[in-house]
Amino acid sequence: MGRRETRKDDFEDDGRVIADMSGVERPSLFGAGRPPRREGPRAEAPARRREPDVRFTTTERLWMALGALKAGLLVGLVYVVFLGLVILALLAIWNIL
């Protein structure tokens, strides 16, 4: 026996709430904008931990950027070497045939 296809007409709402999504809003596409609007039964803001204010010097920021650049170049180098080995293997197979 096959599975019966369900249509929108077959759906019957029994009125139960599975998850309250009234306080959920769409996130901003442009990053940190205004804080989200709070409405509904959970309008009070949750308690947040206060994190220490960390400030980096110019040289620390430079070294972090260079470290990230080095990591990205290393990952790119691994891809290039792997692709080169695949091409060499395919050329070897082509020459044998």
PDB file of N, CA and C in Angstrom:
ATOM      1  N   MET A   1       0.833  -1.170   0.000  1.00  0.00           N
ATOM      2  CA  MET A   1       0.000   0.000   0.000  1.00  0.00           C
ATOM      3  C   MET A   1       0.878   1.234   0.000  1.00  0.00           C
ATOM      4  N   GLY A   2       0.564   2.178  -0.824  1.00  0.00           N
ATOM      5  CA  GLY A   2       1.338   3.413  -0.912  1.00  0.00           C
ATOM      6  C   GLY A   2       0.914   4.430   0.136  1.00  0.00           C
ATOM      7  N   ARG A   3       1.742   5.381   0.291  1.00  0.00           N
ATOM      8  CA  ARG A   3       1.439   6.454   1.245  1.00  0.00           C
ATOM      9  C   ARG A   3       0.434   7.417   0.619  1.00  0.00           C
ATOM     10  N   ARG A   4      -0.573   7.792   1.367  1.00  0.00           N
ATOM     11  CA  ARG A   4      -1.607   8.699   0.868  1.00  0.00           C
ATOM     12  C   ARG A   4      -1.079  10.122   0.883  1.00  0.00           C
ATOM     13  N   GLU A   5      -1.261  10.845  -0.183  1.00  0.00           N
ATOM     14  CA  GLU A   5      -0.812  12.240  -0.260  1.00  0.00           C
ATOM     15  C   GLU A   5      -1.700  13.119   0.611  1.00  0.00           C
ATOM     16  N   THR A   6      -1.067  13.999   1.379  1.00  0.00           N
ATOM     17  CA  THR A   6      -1.837  14.917   2.214  1.00  0.00           C
ATOM     18  C   THR A   6      -1.982  16.244   1.491  1.00  0.00           C
ATOM     19  N   ARG A   7      -3.130  16.823   1.605  1.00  0.00           N
ATOM     20  CA  ARG A   7      -3.390  18.122   1.011  1.00  0.00           C
ATOM     21  C   ARG A   7      -3.722  19.107   2.113  1.00  0.00           C
ATOM     22  N   LYS A   8      -3.686  20.397   1.794  1.00  0.00           N
ATOM     23  CA  LYS A   8      -4.027  21.409   2.782  1.00  0.00           C
ATOM     24  C   LYS A   8      -5.463  21.260   3.269  1.00  0.00           C
ATOM     25  N   ASP A   9      -6.300  20.713   2.432  1.00  0.00           N
ATOM     26  CA  ASP A   9      -7.701  20.531   2.818  1.00  0.00           C
ATOM     27  C   ASP A   9      -7.843  19.466   3.904  1.00  0.00           C
ATOM     28  N   ASP A  10      -6.900  18.516   3.973  1.00  0.00           N
ATOM     29  CA  ASP A  10      -6.979  17.433   4.938  1.00  0.00           C
ATOM     30  C   ASP A  10      -6.559  17.867   6.342  1.00  0.00           C
ATOM     31  N   PHE A  11      -5.918  19.026   6.482  1.00  0.00           N
ATOM     32  CA  PHE A  11      -5.396  19.463   7.777  1.00  0.00           C
ATOM     33  C   PHE A  11      -6.523  19.952   8.662  1.00  0.00           C
ATOM     34  N   GLU A  12      -6.523  19.477   9.905  1.00  0.00           N
ATOM     35  CA  GLU A  12      -7.536  19.901  10.853  1.00  0.00           C
ATOM     36  C   GLU A  12      -6.833  20.430  12.096  1.00  0.00           C
ATOM     37  N   ASP A  13      -7.090  21.689  12.448  1.00  0.00           N
ATOM     38  CA  ASP A  13      -6.448  22.327  13.595  1.00  0.00           C
ATOM     39  C   ASP A  13      -7.219  21.987  14.857  1.00  0.00           C
ATOM     40  N   ASP A  14      -6.505  21.442  15.860  1.00  0.00           N
ATOM     41  CA  ASP A  14      -7.171  21.094  17.110  1.00  0.00           C
ATOM     42  C   ASP A  14      -7.004  22.176  18.165  1.00  0.00           C
ATOM     43  N   GLY A  15      -6.301  23.274  17.864  1.00  0.00           N
ATOM     44  CA  GLY A  15      -6.206  24.410  18.758  1.00  0.00           C
ATOM     45  C   GLY A  15      -5.064  24.351  19.759  1.00  0.00           C
ATOM     46  N   ARG A  16      -4.288  23.285  19.784  1.00  0.00           N
ATOM     47  CA  ARG A  16      -3.188  23.194  20.735  1.00  0.00           C
ATOM     48  C   ARG A  16      -2.000  24.041  20.254  1.00  0.00           C
ATOM     49  N   VAL A  17      -1.264  24.631  21.218  1.00  0.00           N
ATOM     50  CA  VAL A  17      -0.082  25.411  20.899  1.00  0.00           C
ATOM     51  C   VAL A  17       1.132  24.525  21.140  1.00  0.00           C
ATOM     52  N   ILE A  18       1.895  24.262  20.099  1.00  0.00           N
ATOM     53  CA  ILE A  18       3.088  23.437  20.219  1.00  0.00           C
ATOM     54  C   ILE A  18       4.267  24.295  20.655  1.00  0.00           C
ATOM     55  N   ALA A  19       4.488  25.409  19.990  1.00  0.00           N
ATOM     56  CA  ALA A  19       5.572  26.327  20.338  1.00  0.00           C
ATOM     57  C   ALA A  19       5.066  27.749  20.143  1.00  0.00           C
ATOM     58  N   ASP A  20       5.228  28.588  21.170  1.00  0.00           N
ATOM     59  CA  ASP A  20       4.784  29.973  21.089  1.00  0.00           C
ATOM     60  C   ASP A  20       5.813  30.774  20.298  1.00  0.00           C
ATOM     61  N   MET A  21       5.482  31.178  19.095  1.00  0.00           N
ATOM     62  CA  MET A  21       6.394  31.912  18.227  1.00  0.00           C
ATOM     63  C   MET A  21       6.010  33.387  18.140  1.00  0.00           C
ATOM     64  N   SER A  22       5.228  33.884  19.089  1.00  0.00           N
ATOM     65  CA  SER A  22       4.749  35.257  19.006  1.00  0.00           C
ATOM     66  C   SER A  22       5.869  36.271  19.228  1.00  0.00           C
ATOM     67  N   GLY A  23       6.925  35.901  19.964  1.00  0.00           N
ATOM     68  CA  GLY A  23       7.998  36.845  20.237  1.00  0.00           C
ATOM     69  C   GLY A  23       9.149  36.768  19.260  1.00  0.00           C
ATOM     70  N   VAL A  24       9.058  35.919  18.252  1.00  0.00           N
ATOM     71  CA  VAL A  24      10.152  35.736  17.301  1.00  0.00           C
ATOM     72  C   VAL A  24       9.981  36.698  16.146  1.00  0.00           C
ATOM     73  N   GLU A  25      11.063  37.415  15.833  1.00  0.00           N
ATOM     74  CA  GLU A  25      11.049  38.326  14.691  1.00  0.00           C
ATOM     75  C   GLU A  25      12.144  37.945  13.715  1.00  0.00           C
ATOM     76  N   ARG A  26      12.040  38.443  12.502  1.00  0.00           N
ATOM     77  CA  ARG A  26      13.043  38.194  11.478  1.00  0.00           C
ATOM     78  C   ARG A  26      14.300  38.994  11.813  1.00  0.00           C
ATOM     79  N   PRO A  27      15.490  38.384  11.742  1.00  0.00           N
ATOM     80  CA  PRO A  27      16.709  39.128  12.062  1.00  0.00           C
ATOM     81  C   PRO A  27      17.024  40.169  10.995  1.00  0.00           C
ATOM     82  N   SER A  28      17.769  41.182  11.398  1.00  0.00           N
ATOM     83  CA  SER A  28      18.144  42.242  10.477  1.00  0.00           C
ATOM     84  C   SER A  28      19.200  41.735   9.502  1.00  0.00           C
ATOM     85  N   LEU A  29      19.092  42.112   8.249  1.00  0.00           N
ATOM     86  CA  LEU A  29      20.075  41.704   7.249  1.00  0.00           C
ATOM     87  C   LEU A  29      21.325  42.569   7.294  1.00  0.00           C
ATOM     88  N   PHE A  30      21.273  43.689   7.975  1.00  0.00           N
ATOM     89  CA  PHE A  30      22.380  44.623   7.969  1.00  0.00           C
ATOM     90  C   PHE A  30      23.138  44.649   9.289  1.00  0.00           C
ATOM     91  N   GLY A  31      23.106  43.556  10.033  1.00  0.00           N
ATOM     92  CA  GLY A  31      23.895  43.460  11.251  1.00  0.00           C
ATOM     93  C   GLY A  31      23.223  44.106  12.439  1.00  0.00           C
ATOM     94  N   ALA A  32      24.041  44.729  13.267  1.00  0.00           N
ATOM     95  CA  ALA A  32      23.554  45.272  14.530  1.00  0.00           C
ATOM     96  C   ALA A  32      22.798  46.568  14.291  1.00  0.00           C
ATOM     97  N   GLY A  33      21.528  46.478  14.232  1.00  0.00           N
ATOM     98  CA  GLY A  33      20.678  47.653  14.096  1.00  0.00           C
ATOM     99  C   GLY A  33      20.075  47.965  15.440  1.00  0.00           C
ATOM    100  N   ARG A  34      18.861  48.366  15.440  1.00  0.00           N
ATOM    101  CA  ARG A  34      18.191  48.638  16.705  1.00  0.00           C
ATOM    102  C   ARG A  34      17.892  47.316  17.404  1.00  0.00           C
ATOM    103  N   PRO A  35      17.763  47.338  18.716  1.00  0.00           N
ATOM    104  CA  PRO A  35      17.460  46.097  19.424  1.00  0.00           C
ATOM    105  C   PRO A  35      16.072  45.593  19.052  1.00  0.00           C
ATOM    106  N   PRO A  36      15.882  44.282  19.101  1.00  0.00           N
ATOM    107  CA  PRO A  36      14.581  43.735  18.694  1.00  0.00           C
ATOM    108  C   PRO A  36      13.466  44.190  19.618  1.00  0.00           C
ATOM    109  N   ARG A  37      12.299  44.346  19.026  1.00  0.00           N
ATOM    110  CA  ARG A  37      11.116  44.772  19.770  1.00  0.00           C
ATOM    111  C   ARG A  37      10.598  43.604  20.598  1.00  0.00           C
ATOM    112  N   ARG A  38      10.254  43.877  21.842  1.00  0.00           N
ATOM    113  CA  ARG A  38       9.747  42.834  22.730  1.00  0.00           C
ATOM    114  C   ARG A  38       8.257  43.024  22.941  1.00  0.00           C
ATOM    115  N   GLU A  39       7.495  42.002  22.606  1.00  0.00           N
ATOM    116  CA  GLU A  39       6.060  42.020  22.816  1.00  0.00           C
ATOM    117  C   GLU A  39       5.616  40.637  23.239  1.00  0.00           C
ATOM    118  N   GLY A  40       4.408  40.544  23.647  1.00  0.00           N
ATOM    119  CA  GLY A  40       3.848  39.247  23.965  1.00  0.00           C
ATOM    120  C   GLY A  40       4.065  38.856  25.406  1.00  0.00           C
ATOM    121  N   PRO A  41       3.828  37.589  25.718  1.00  0.00           N
ATOM    122  CA  PRO A  41       3.890  37.144  27.112  1.00  0.00           C
ATOM    123  C   PRO A  41       5.302  37.171  27.693  1.00  0.00           C
ATOM    124  N   ARG A  42       6.318  37.114  26.855  1.00  0.00           N
ATOM    125  CA  ARG A  42       7.691  37.119  27.346  1.00  0.00           C
ATOM    126  C   ARG A  42       8.372  38.438  27.013  1.00  0.00           C
ATOM    127  N   ALA A  43       7.728  39.544  27.359  1.00  0.00           N
ATOM    128  CA  ALA A  43       8.232  40.858  26.980  1.00  0.00           C
ATOM    129  C   ALA A  43       9.441  41.281  27.794  1.00  0.00           C
ATOM    130  N   GLU A  44       9.623  40.745  28.990  1.00  0.00           N
ATOM    131  CA  GLU A  44      10.771  41.148  29.795  1.00  0.00           C
ATOM    132  C   GLU A  44      12.049  40.542  29.214  1.00  0.00           C
ATOM    133  N   ALA A  45      13.102  41.330  29.232  1.00  0.00           N
ATOM    134  CA  ALA A  45      14.373  40.898  28.673  1.00  0.00           C
ATOM    135  C   ALA A  45      15.035  39.882  29.599  1.00  0.00           C
ATOM    136  N   PRO A  46      15.654  38.849  29.040  1.00  0.00           N
ATOM    137  CA  PRO A  46      16.339  37.874  29.886  1.00  0.00           C
ATOM    138  C   PRO A  46      17.597  38.486  30.493  1.00  0.00           C
ATOM    139  N   ALA A  47      17.981  37.991  31.654  1.00  0.00           N
ATOM    140  CA  ALA A  47      19.186  38.487  32.314  1.00  0.00           C
ATOM    141  C   ALA A  47      20.412  38.026  31.531  1.00  0.00           C
ATOM    142  N   ARG A  48      21.308  38.956  31.258  1.00  0.00           N
ATOM    143  CA  ARG A  48      22.510  38.642  30.502  1.00  0.00           C
ATOM    144  C   ARG A  48      23.737  38.786  31.377  1.00  0.00           C
ATOM    145  N   ARG A  49      24.726  37.956  31.086  1.00  0.00           N
ATOM    146  CA  ARG A  49      25.982  38.090  31.809  1.00  0.00           C
ATOM    147  C   ARG A  49      26.736  39.286  31.258  1.00  0.00           C
ATOM    148  N   ARG A  50      27.399  39.986  32.121  1.00  0.00           N
ATOM    149  CA  ARG A  50      28.202  41.128  31.681  1.00  0.00           C
ATOM    150  C   ARG A  50      29.590  40.625  31.344  1.00  0.00           C
ATOM    151  N   GLU A  51      29.967  40.770  30.091  1.00  0.00           N
ATOM    152  CA  GLU A  51      31.278  40.316  29.655  1.00  0.00           C
ATOM    153  C   GLU A  51      32.265  41.465  29.754  1.00  0.00           C
ATOM    154  N   PRO A  52      33.532  41.152  30.003  1.00  0.00           N
ATOM    155  CA  PRO A  52      34.525  42.212  30.143  1.00  0.00           C
ATOM    156  C   PRO A  52      34.736  42.954  28.829  1.00  0.00           C
ATOM    157  N   ASP A  53      35.012  44.228  28.937  1.00  0.00           N
ATOM    158  CA  ASP A  53      35.250  45.057  27.764  1.00  0.00           C
ATOM    159  C   ASP A  53      36.687  44.835  27.307  1.00  0.00           C
ATOM    160  N   VAL A  54      36.856  44.205  26.155  1.00  0.00           N
ATOM    161  CA  VAL A  54      38.188  43.875  25.647  1.00  0.00           C
ATOM    162  C   VAL A  54      38.544  44.864  24.554  1.00  0.00           C
ATOM    163  N   ARG A  55      39.682  45.502  24.694  1.00  0.00           N
ATOM    164  CA  ARG A  55      40.176  46.436  23.681  1.00  0.00           C
ATOM    165  C   ARG A  55      41.539  45.946  23.216  1.00  0.00           C
ATOM    166  N   PHE A  56      41.705  45.862  21.903  1.00  0.00           N
ATOM    167  CA  PHE A  56      42.966  45.425  21.334  1.00  0.00           C
ATOM    168  C   PHE A  56      43.755  46.629  20.835  1.00  0.00           C
ATOM    169  N   THR A  57      45.070  46.521  20.921  1.00  0.00           N
ATOM    170  CA  THR A  57      45.923  47.573  20.369  1.00  0.00           C
ATOM    171  C   THR A  57      46.010  47.384  18.868  1.00  0.00           C
ATOM    172  N   THR A  58      46.583  48.352  18.193  1.00  0.00           N
ATOM    173  CA  THR A  58      46.714  48.288  16.731  1.00  0.00           C
ATOM    174  C   THR A  58      47.594  47.120  16.319  1.00  0.00           C
ATOM    175  N   THR A  59      48.683  46.885  17.045  1.00  0.00           N
ATOM    176  CA  THR A  59      49.569  45.774  16.676  1.00  0.00           C
ATOM    177  C   THR A  59      48.891  44.426  16.926  1.00  0.00           C
ATOM    178  N   GLU A  60      48.089  44.322  17.989  1.00  0.00           N
ATOM    179  CA  GLU A  60      47.375  43.068  18.234  1.00  0.00           C
ATOM    180  C   GLU A  60      46.358  42.802  17.129  1.00  0.00           C
ATOM    181  N   ARG A  61      45.656  43.844  16.695  1.00  0.00           N
ATOM    182  CA  ARG A  61      44.704  43.672  15.588  1.00  0.00           C
ATOM    183  C   ARG A  61      45.423  43.287  14.303  1.00  0.00           C
ATOM    184  N   LEU A  62      46.583  43.883  14.065  1.00  0.00           N
ATOM    185  CA  LEU A  62      47.365  43.552  12.876  1.00  0.00           C
ATOM    186  C   LEU A  62      47.784  42.092  12.901  1.00  0.00           C
ATOM    187  N   TRP A  63      48.274  41.611  14.052  1.00  0.00           N
ATOM    188  CA  TRP A  63      48.713  40.228  14.152  1.00  0.00           C
ATOM    189  C   TRP A  63      47.542  39.252  14.037  1.00  0.00           C
ATOM    190  N   MET A  64      46.372  39.638  14.536  1.00  0.00           N
ATOM    191  CA  MET A  64      45.195  38.780  14.367  1.00  0.00           C
ATOM    192  C   MET A  64      44.788  38.699  12.900  1.00  0.00           C
ATOM    193  N   ALA A  65      44.846  39.833  12.204  1.00  0.00           N
ATOM    194  CA  ALA A  65      44.490  39.833  10.782  1.00  0.00           C
ATOM    195  C   ALA A  65      45.500  39.014   9.988  1.00  0.00           C
ATOM    196  N   LEU A  66      46.772  39.143  10.303  1.00  0.00           N
ATOM    197  CA  LEU A  66      47.786  38.358   9.595  1.00  0.00           C
ATOM    198  C   LEU A  66      47.648  36.869   9.897  1.00  0.00           C
ATOM    199  N   GLY A  67      47.280  36.520  11.128  1.00  0.00           N
ATOM    200  CA  GLY A  67      47.055  35.113  11.469  1.00  0.00           C
ATOM    201  C   GLY A  67      45.876  34.538  10.709  1.00  0.00           C
ATOM    202  N   ALA A  68      44.807  35.312  10.582  1.00  0.00           N
ATOM    203  CA  ALA A  68      43.646  34.845   9.816  1.00  0.00           C
ATOM    204  C   ALA A  68      44.001  34.703   8.342  1.00  0.00           C
ATOM    205  N   LEU A  69      44.793  35.649   7.812  1.00  0.00           N
ATOM    206  CA  LEU A  69      45.227  35.571   6.419  1.00  0.00           C
ATOM    207  C   LEU A  69      46.100  34.340   6.199  1.00  0.00           C
ATOM    208  N   LYS A  70      46.994  34.063   7.145  1.00  0.00           N
ATOM    209  CA  LYS A  70      47.861  32.895   7.033  1.00  0.00           C
ATOM    210  C   LYS A  70      47.037  31.606   7.051  1.00  0.00           C
ATOM    211  N   ALA A  71      46.036  31.541   7.915  1.00  0.00           N
ATOM    212  CA  ALA A  71      45.188  30.352   7.983  1.00  0.00           C
ATOM    213  C   ALA A  71      44.413  30.161   6.678  1.00  0.00           C
ATOM    214  N   GLY A  72      43.889  31.246   6.123  1.00  0.00           N
ATOM    215  CA  GLY A  72      43.161  31.152   4.860  1.00  0.00           C
ATOM    216  C   GLY A  72      44.051  30.724   3.713  1.00  0.00           C
ATOM    217  N   LEU A  73      45.276  31.272   3.675  1.00  0.00           N
ATOM    218  CA  LEU A  73      46.210  30.876   2.612  1.00  0.00           C
ATOM    219  C   LEU A  73      46.634  29.423   2.763  1.00  0.00           C
ATOM    220  N   LEU A  74      46.762  28.952   3.992  1.00  0.00           N
ATOM    221  CA  LEU A  74      47.124  27.555   4.214  1.00  0.00           C
ATOM    222  C   LEU A  74      46.026  26.624   3.719  1.00  0.00           C
ATOM    223  N   VAL A  75      44.780  26.952   4.002  1.00  0.00           N
ATOM    224  CA  VAL A  75      43.661  26.132   3.521  1.00  0.00           C
ATOM    225  C   VAL A  75      43.609  26.166   1.997  1.00  0.00           C
ATOM    226  N   GLY A  76      43.814  27.342   1.412  1.00  0.00           N
ATOM    227  CA  GLY A  76      43.842  27.440  -0.049  1.00  0.00           C
ATOM    228  C   GLY A  76      44.974  26.636  -0.658  1.00  0.00           C
ATOM    229  N   LEU A  77      46.135  26.637  -0.013  1.00  0.00           N
ATOM    230  CA  LEU A  77      47.272  25.865  -0.504  1.00  0.00           C
ATOM    231  C   LEU A  77      46.973  24.371  -0.480  1.00  0.00           C
ATOM    232  N   VAL A  78      46.287  23.913   0.561  1.00  0.00           N
ATOM    233  CA  VAL A  78      45.915  22.489   0.631  1.00  0.00           C
ATOM    234  C   VAL A  78      45.001  22.126  -0.533  1.00  0.00           C
ATOM    235  N   TYR A  79      44.040  22.988  -0.847  1.00  0.00           N
ATOM    236  CA  TYR A  79      43.148  22.727  -1.986  1.00  0.00           C
ATOM    237  C   TYR A  79      43.918  22.705  -3.299  1.00  0.00           C
ATOM    238  N   VAL A  80      44.842  23.634  -3.489  1.00  0.00           N
ATOM    239  CA  VAL A  80      45.612  23.689  -4.741  1.00  0.00           C
ATOM    240  C   VAL A  80      46.481  22.455  -4.886  1.00  0.00           C
ATOM    241  N   VAL A  81      47.141  22.029  -3.813  1.00  0.00           N
ATOM    242  CA  VAL A  81      47.984  20.824  -3.875  1.00  0.00           C
ATOM    243  C   VAL A  81      47.135  19.602  -4.171  1.00  0.00           C
ATOM    244  N   PHE A  82      45.988  19.481  -3.515  1.00  0.00           N
ATOM    245  CA  PHE A  82      45.105  18.340  -3.767  1.00  0.00           C
ATOM    246  C   PHE A  82      44.625  18.326  -5.215  1.00  0.00           C
ATOM    247  N   LEU A  83      44.224  19.481  -5.719  1.00  0.00           N
ATOM    248  CA  LEU A  83      43.764  19.556  -7.103  1.00  0.00           C
ATOM    249  C   LEU A  83      44.896  19.217  -8.066  1.00  0.00           C
ATOM    250  N   GLY A  84      46.124  19.667  -7.762  1.00  0.00           N
ATOM    251  CA  GLY A  84      47.274  19.337  -8.607  1.00  0.00           C
ATOM    252  C   GLY A  84      47.543  17.846  -8.626  1.00  0.00           C
ATOM    253  N   LEU A  85      47.437  17.206  -7.458  1.00  0.00           N
ATOM    254  CA  LEU A  85      47.645  15.753  -7.413  1.00  0.00           C
ATOM    255  C   LEU A  85      46.568  15.005  -8.189  1.00  0.00           C
ATOM    256  N   VAL A  86      45.341  15.477  -8.121  1.00  0.00           N
ATOM    257  CA  VAL A  86      44.261  14.841  -8.885  1.00  0.00           C
ATOM    258  C   VAL A  86      44.521  14.985 -10.382  1.00  0.00           C
ATOM    259  N   ILE A  87      44.959  16.166 -10.804  1.00  0.00           N
ATOM    260  CA  ILE A  87      45.250  16.379 -12.231  1.00  0.00           C
ATOM    261  C   ILE A  87      46.402  15.497 -12.680  1.00  0.00           C
ATOM    262  N   LEU A  88      47.460  15.388 -11.858  1.00  0.00           N
ATOM    263  CA  LEU A  88      48.582  14.517 -12.208  1.00  0.00           C
ATOM    264  C   LEU A  88      48.143  13.056 -12.299  1.00  0.00           C
ATOM    265  N   ALA A  89      47.296  12.610 -11.383  1.00  0.00           N
ATOM    266  CA  ALA A  89      46.799  11.239 -11.429  1.00  0.00           C
ATOM    267  C   ALA A  89      45.964  11.001 -12.681  1.00  0.00           C
ATOM    268  N   LEU A  90      45.132  11.960 -13.044  1.00  0.00           N
ATOM    269  CA  LEU A  90      44.310  11.807 -14.252  1.00  0.00           C
ATOM    270  C   LEU A  90      45.171  11.797 -15.509  1.00  0.00           C
ATOM    271  N   LEU A  91      46.225  12.625 -15.533  1.00  0.00           N
ATOM    272  CA  LEU A  91      47.139  12.616 -16.685  1.00  0.00           C
ATOM    273  C   LEU A  91      47.893  11.295 -16.780  1.00  0.00           C
ATOM    274  N   ALA A  92      48.285  10.738 -15.640  1.00  0.00           N
ATOM    275  CA  ALA A  92      48.973   9.443 -15.652  1.00  0.00           C
ATOM    276  C   ALA A  92      48.041   8.353 -16.173  1.00  0.00           C
ATOM    277  N   ILE A  93      46.791   8.363 -15.739  1.00  0.00           N
ATOM    278  CA  ILE A  93      45.823   7.373 -16.229  1.00  0.00           C
ATOM    279  C   ILE A  93      45.582   7.549 -17.724  1.00  0.00           C
ATOM    280  N   TRP A  94      45.520   8.808 -18.181  1.00  0.00           N
ATOM    281  CA  TRP A  94      45.285   9.100 -19.599  1.00  0.00           C
ATOM    282  C   TRP A  94      46.439   8.568 -20.455  1.00  0.00           C
ATOM    283  N   ASN A  95      47.680   8.728 -19.976  1.00  0.00           N
ATOM    284  CA  ASN A  95      48.848   8.281 -20.741  1.00  0.00           C
ATOM    285  C   ASN A  95      48.941   6.770 -20.774  1.00  0.00           C
ATOM    286  N   ILE A  96      48.468   6.093 -19.726  1.00  0.00           N
ATOM    287  CA  ILE A  96      48.508   4.633 -19.717  1.00  0.00           C
ATOM    288  C   ILE A  96      47.511   4.083 -20.719  1.00  0.00           C
ATOM    289  N   LEU A  97      46.374   4.707 -20.822  1.00  0.00           N
ATOM    290  CA  LEU A  97      45.341   4.210 -21.748  1.00  0.00           C
ATOM    291  C   LEU A  97      45.753   4.599 -23.126  1.00  0.00           C
TER     292      LEU A  97
END
